[in-house]
């Protein structure tokens, strides 16, 4: 059955694409979260230093 072959080929192709897109988005989100966490951390330390100097 050629239709079944085509279906399985398309399914594997699209699953690979979805996996790569999911990985890409996941990495971007984790990197963004890390950057925002570092930013909030530096912001809080900056405000602590500012209040301490005051």
PDB file of N, CA and C in Angstrom:
ATOM      1  N   UNK A   1       0.839  -1.199   0.000  1.00  0.00           N
ATOM      2  CA  UNK A   1       0.000   0.000   0.000  1.00  0.00           C
ATOM      3  C   UNK A   1       0.879   1.257   0.000  1.00  0.00           C
ATOM      4  N   UNK A   2       0.897   2.001  -1.084  1.00  0.00           N
ATOM      5  CA  UNK A   2       1.737   3.199  -1.139  1.00  0.00           C
ATOM      6  C   UNK A   2       1.233   4.320  -0.232  1.00  0.00           C
ATOM      7  N   UNK A   3      -0.087   4.363  -0.010  1.00  0.00           N
ATOM      8  CA  UNK A   3      -0.626   5.424   0.850  1.00  0.00           C
ATOM      9  C   UNK A   3      -0.091   5.285   2.277  1.00  0.00           C
ATOM     10  N   UNK A   4      -0.020   4.047   2.756  1.00  0.00           N
ATOM     11  CA  UNK A   4       0.465   3.801   4.106  1.00  0.00           C
ATOM     12  C   UNK A   4       1.940   4.185   4.214  1.00  0.00           C
ATOM     13  N   UNK A   5       2.710   3.843   3.185  1.00  0.00           N
ATOM     14  CA  UNK A   5       4.119   4.222   3.173  1.00  0.00           C
ATOM     15  C   UNK A   5       4.274   5.736   3.230  1.00  0.00           C
ATOM     16  N   UNK A   6       3.498   6.417   2.419  1.00  0.00           N
ATOM     17  CA  UNK A   6       3.562   7.874   2.394  1.00  0.00           C
ATOM     18  C   UNK A   6       3.146   8.444   3.744  1.00  0.00           C
ATOM     19  N   UNK A   7       2.118   7.845   4.352  1.00  0.00           N
ATOM     20  CA  UNK A   7       1.644   8.305   5.655  1.00  0.00           C
ATOM     21  C   UNK A   7       2.739   8.156   6.703  1.00  0.00           C
ATOM     22  N   UNK A   8       3.420   7.002   6.710  1.00  0.00           N
ATOM     23  CA  UNK A   8       4.472   6.785   7.703  1.00  0.00           C
ATOM     24  C   UNK A   8       5.655   7.705   7.457  1.00  0.00           C
ATOM     25  N   UNK A   9       5.994   7.936   6.177  1.00  0.00           N
ATOM     26  CA  UNK A   9       7.095   8.847   5.863  1.00  0.00           C
ATOM     27  C   UNK A   9       6.767  10.257   6.323  1.00  0.00           C
ATOM     28  N   UNK A  10       5.537  10.705   6.020  1.00  0.00           N
ATOM     29  CA  UNK A  10       5.117  12.037   6.446  1.00  0.00           C
ATOM     30  C   UNK A  10       5.050  12.148   7.957  1.00  0.00           C
ATOM     31  N   UNK A  11       4.594  11.076   8.604  1.00  0.00           N
ATOM     32  CA  UNK A  11       4.488  11.092  10.061  1.00  0.00           C
ATOM     33  C   UNK A  11       5.868  11.219  10.705  1.00  0.00           C
ATOM     34  N   UNK A  12       6.838  10.435  10.217  1.00  0.00           N
ATOM     35  CA  UNK A  12       8.193  10.504  10.780  1.00  0.00           C
ATOM     36  C   UNK A  12       8.813  11.874  10.499  1.00  0.00           C
ATOM     37  N   UNK A  13       8.604  12.390   9.285  1.00  0.00           N
ATOM     38  CA  UNK A  13       9.140  13.697   8.906  1.00  0.00           C
ATOM     39  C   UNK A  13       8.588  14.792   9.808  1.00  0.00           C
ATOM     40  N   UNK A  14       7.249  14.797   9.984  1.00  0.00           N
ATOM     41  CA  UNK A  14       6.620  15.832  10.801  1.00  0.00           C
ATOM     42  C   UNK A  14       6.951  15.667  12.277  1.00  0.00           C
ATOM     43  N   UNK A  15       7.108  14.421  12.739  1.00  0.00           N
ATOM     44  CA  UNK A  15       7.465  14.220  14.149  1.00  0.00           C
ATOM     45  C   UNK A  15       8.873  14.758  14.402  1.00  0.00           C
ATOM     46  N   UNK A  16       9.783  14.560  13.444  1.00  0.00           N
ATOM     47  CA  UNK A  16      11.133  15.115  13.577  1.00  0.00           C
ATOM     48  C   UNK A  16      11.068  16.637  13.623  1.00  0.00           C
ATOM     49  N   UNK A  17      10.278  17.221  12.730  1.00  0.00           N
ATOM     50  CA  UNK A  17      10.146  18.677  12.699  1.00  0.00           C
ATOM     51  C   UNK A  17       9.580  19.208  14.005  1.00  0.00           C
ATOM     52  N   UNK A  18       8.516  18.527  14.498  1.00  0.00           N
ATOM     53  CA  UNK A  18       7.903  18.969  15.751  1.00  0.00           C
ATOM     54  C   UNK A  18       8.879  18.847  16.904  1.00  0.00           C
ATOM     55  N   UNK A  19       9.674  17.755  16.880  1.00  0.00           N
ATOM     56  CA  UNK A  19      10.649  17.557  17.950  1.00  0.00           C
ATOM     57  C   UNK A  19      11.686  18.676  17.945  1.00  0.00           C
ATOM     58  N   UNK A  20      12.184  19.005  16.749  1.00  0.00           N
ATOM     59  CA  UNK A  20      13.189  20.070  16.650  1.00  0.00           C
ATOM     60  C   UNK A  20      12.610  21.429  17.046  1.00  0.00           C
ATOM     61  N   UNK A  21      11.394  21.729  16.619  1.00  0.00           N
ATOM     62  CA  UNK A  21      10.756  23.005  16.957  1.00  0.00           C
ATOM     63  C   UNK A  21      10.524  23.081  18.466  1.00  0.00           C
ATOM     64  N   UNK A  22      10.056  21.953  19.056  1.00  0.00           N
ATOM     65  CA  UNK A  22       9.824  21.921  20.488  1.00  0.00           C
ATOM     66  C   UNK A  22      11.128  22.131  21.252  1.00  0.00           C
ATOM     67  N   UNK A  23      12.196  21.476  20.787  1.00  0.00           N
ATOM     68  CA  UNK A  23      13.500  21.624  21.434  1.00  0.00           C
ATOM     69  C   UNK A  23      13.990  23.061  21.331  1.00  0.00           C
ATOM     70  N   UNK A  24      13.818  23.656  20.144  1.00  0.00           N
ATOM     71  CA  UNK A  24      14.251  25.039  19.909  1.00  0.00           C
ATOM     72  C   UNK A  24      13.511  25.997  20.839  1.00  0.00           C
ATOM     73  N   UNK A  25      12.169  25.862  20.901  1.00  0.00           N
ATOM     74  CA  UNK A  25      11.360  26.727  21.763  1.00  0.00           C
ATOM     75  C   UNK A  25      11.715  26.502  23.219  1.00  0.00           C
ATOM     76  N   UNK A  26      11.945  25.222  23.590  1.00  0.00           N
ATOM     77  CA  UNK A  26      12.282  24.908  24.980  1.00  0.00           C
ATOM     78  C   UNK A  26      13.604  25.557  25.371  1.00  0.00           C
ATOM     79  N   UNK A  27      14.591  25.467  24.464  1.00  0.00           N
ATOM     80  CA  UNK A  27      15.895  26.067  24.747  1.00  0.00           C
ATOM     81  C   UNK A  27      15.782  27.586  24.841  1.00  0.00           C
ATOM     82  N   UNK A  28      15.018  28.196  23.945  1.00  0.00           N
ATOM     83  CA  UNK A  28      14.833  29.654  23.984  1.00  0.00           C
ATOM     84  C   UNK A  28      14.157  30.059  25.289  1.00  0.00           C
ATOM     85  N   UNK A  29      13.118  29.306  25.690  1.00  0.00           N
ATOM     86  CA  UNK A  29      12.408  29.638  26.926  1.00  0.00           C
ATOM     87  C   UNK A  29      13.319  29.499  28.137  1.00  0.00           C
ATOM     88  N   UNK A  30      14.116  28.426  28.191  1.00  0.00           N
ATOM     89  CA  UNK A  30      14.993  28.233  29.344  1.00  0.00           C
ATOM     90  C   UNK A  30      16.061  29.323  29.362  1.00  0.00           C
ATOM     91  N   UNK A  31      16.590  29.665  28.185  1.00  0.00           N
ATOM     92  CA  UNK A  31      17.603  30.724  28.122  1.00  0.00           C
ATOM     93  C   UNK A  31      16.998  32.058  28.560  1.00  0.00           C
ATOM     94  N   UNK A  32      15.782  32.331  28.111  1.00  0.00           N
ATOM     95  CA  UNK A  32      15.105  33.571  28.483  1.00  0.00           C
ATOM     96  C   UNK A  32      14.833  33.601  29.987  1.00  0.00           C
ATOM     97  N   UNK A  33      14.416  32.441  30.541  1.00  0.00           N
ATOM     98  CA  UNK A  33      14.161  32.363  31.978  1.00  0.00           C
ATOM     99  C   UNK A  33      15.440  32.595  32.760  1.00  0.00           C
ATOM    100  N   UNK A  34      16.536  31.999  32.274  1.00  0.00           N
ATOM    101  CA  UNK A  34      17.820  32.192  32.953  1.00  0.00           C
ATOM    102  C   UNK A  34      18.218  33.659  32.922  1.00  0.00           C
ATOM    103  N   UNK A  35      18.049  34.299  31.770  1.00  0.00           N
ATOM    104  CA  UNK A  35      18.409  35.713  31.631  1.00  0.00           C
ATOM    105  C   UNK A  35      17.532  36.569  32.552  1.00  0.00           C
ATOM    106  N   UNK A  36      16.226  36.291  32.582  1.00  0.00           N
ATOM    107  CA  UNK A  36      15.332  37.082  33.426  1.00  0.00           C
ATOM    108  C   UNK A  36      15.636  36.845  34.902  1.00  0.00           C
ATOM    109  N   UNK A  37      15.969  35.596  35.266  1.00  0.00           N
ATOM    110  CA  UNK A  37      16.328  35.310  36.660  1.00  0.00           C
ATOM    111  C   UNK A  37      17.591  36.054  37.049  1.00  0.00           C
ATOM    112  N   UNK A  38      18.588  36.045  36.168  1.00  0.00           N
ATOM    113  CA  UNK A  38      19.822  36.772  36.442  1.00  0.00           C
ATOM    114  C   UNK A  38      19.542  38.272  36.545  1.00  0.00           C
ATOM    115  N   UNK A  39      18.676  38.768  35.679  1.00  0.00           N
ATOM    116  CA  UNK A  39      18.336  40.188  35.691  1.00  0.00           C
ATOM    117  C   UNK A  39      17.652  40.560  37.003  1.00  0.00           C
ATOM    118  N   UNK A  40      16.697  39.758  37.437  1.00  0.00           N
ATOM    119  CA  UNK A  40      16.004  40.046  38.700  1.00  0.00           C
ATOM    120  C   UNK A  40      16.978  39.931  39.865  1.00  0.00           C
ATOM    121  N   UNK A  41      17.875  38.958  39.786  1.00  0.00           N
ATOM    122  CA  UNK A  41      18.880  38.787  40.846  1.00  0.00           C
ATOM    123  C   UNK A  41      19.767  40.016  40.935  1.00  0.00           C
ATOM    124  N   UNK A  42      20.279  40.481  39.802  1.00  0.00           N
ATOM    125  CA  UNK A  42      21.143  41.665  39.795  1.00  0.00           C
ATOM    126  C   UNK A  42      20.346  42.897  40.210  1.00  0.00           C
ATOM    127  N   UNK A  43      19.081  42.951  39.809  1.00  0.00           N
ATOM    128  CA  UNK A  43      18.230  44.083  40.187  1.00  0.00           C
ATOM    129  C   UNK A  43      18.038  44.126  41.707  1.00  0.00           C
ATOM    130  N   UNK A  44      17.762  42.965  42.301  1.00  0.00           N
ATOM    131  CA  UNK A  44      17.543  42.934  43.748  1.00  0.00           C
ATOM    132  C   UNK A  44      18.829  43.299  44.485  1.00  0.00           C
ATOM    133  N   UNK A  45      19.977  42.788  44.036  1.00  0.00           N
ATOM    134  CA  UNK A  45      21.243  43.130  44.694  1.00  0.00           C
ATOM    135  C   UNK A  45      21.542  44.620  44.505  1.00  0.00           C
ATOM    136  N   UNK A  46      21.229  45.148  43.332  1.00  0.00           N
ATOM    137  CA  UNK A  46      21.444  46.568  43.058  1.00  0.00           C
ATOM    138  C   UNK A  46      20.600  47.428  44.000  1.00  0.00           C
ATOM    139  N   UNK A  47      19.327  47.019  44.184  1.00  0.00           N
ATOM    140  CA  UNK A  47      18.455  47.777  45.082  1.00  0.00           C
ATOM    141  C   UNK A  47      18.910  47.643  46.533  1.00  0.00           C
ATOM    142  N   UNK A  48      19.425  46.451  46.889  1.00  0.00           N
ATOM    143  CA  UNK A  48      19.941  46.265  48.253  1.00  0.00           C
ATOM    144  C   UNK A  48      21.128  47.181  48.493  1.00  0.00           C
ATOM    145  N   UNK A  49      22.025  47.236  47.514  1.00  0.00           N
ATOM    146  CA  UNK A  49      23.194  48.106  47.637  1.00  0.00           C
ATOM    147  C   UNK A  49      22.758  49.571  47.720  1.00  0.00           C
ATOM    148  N   UNK A  50      21.764  49.912  46.883  1.00  0.00           N
ATOM    149  CA  UNK A  50      21.258  51.284  46.873  1.00  0.00           C
ATOM    150  C   UNK A  50      20.655  51.653  48.230  1.00  0.00           C
ATOM    151  N   UNK A  51      19.817  50.768  48.771  1.00  0.00           N
ATOM    152  CA  UNK A  51      19.197  51.049  50.070  1.00  0.00           C
ATOM    153  C   UNK A  51      20.260  51.070  51.173  1.00  0.00           C
ATOM    154  N   UNK A  52      21.266  50.198  51.042  1.00  0.00           N
ATOM    155  CA  UNK A  52      22.327  50.166  52.052  1.00  0.00           C
ATOM    156  C   UNK A  52      23.134  51.459  52.028  1.00  0.00           C
ATOM    157  N   UNK A  53      23.396  51.950  50.811  1.00  0.00           N
ATOM    158  CA  UNK A  53      24.157  53.194  50.691  1.00  0.00           C
ATOM    159  C   UNK A  53      23.333  54.368  51.215  1.00  0.00           C
ATOM    160  N   UNK A  54      22.012  54.308  51.052  1.00  0.00           N
ATOM    161  CA  UNK A  54      21.151  55.366  51.592  1.00  0.00           C
ATOM    162  C   UNK A  54      21.143  55.297  53.117  1.00  0.00           C
TER     163      UNK A  54
END
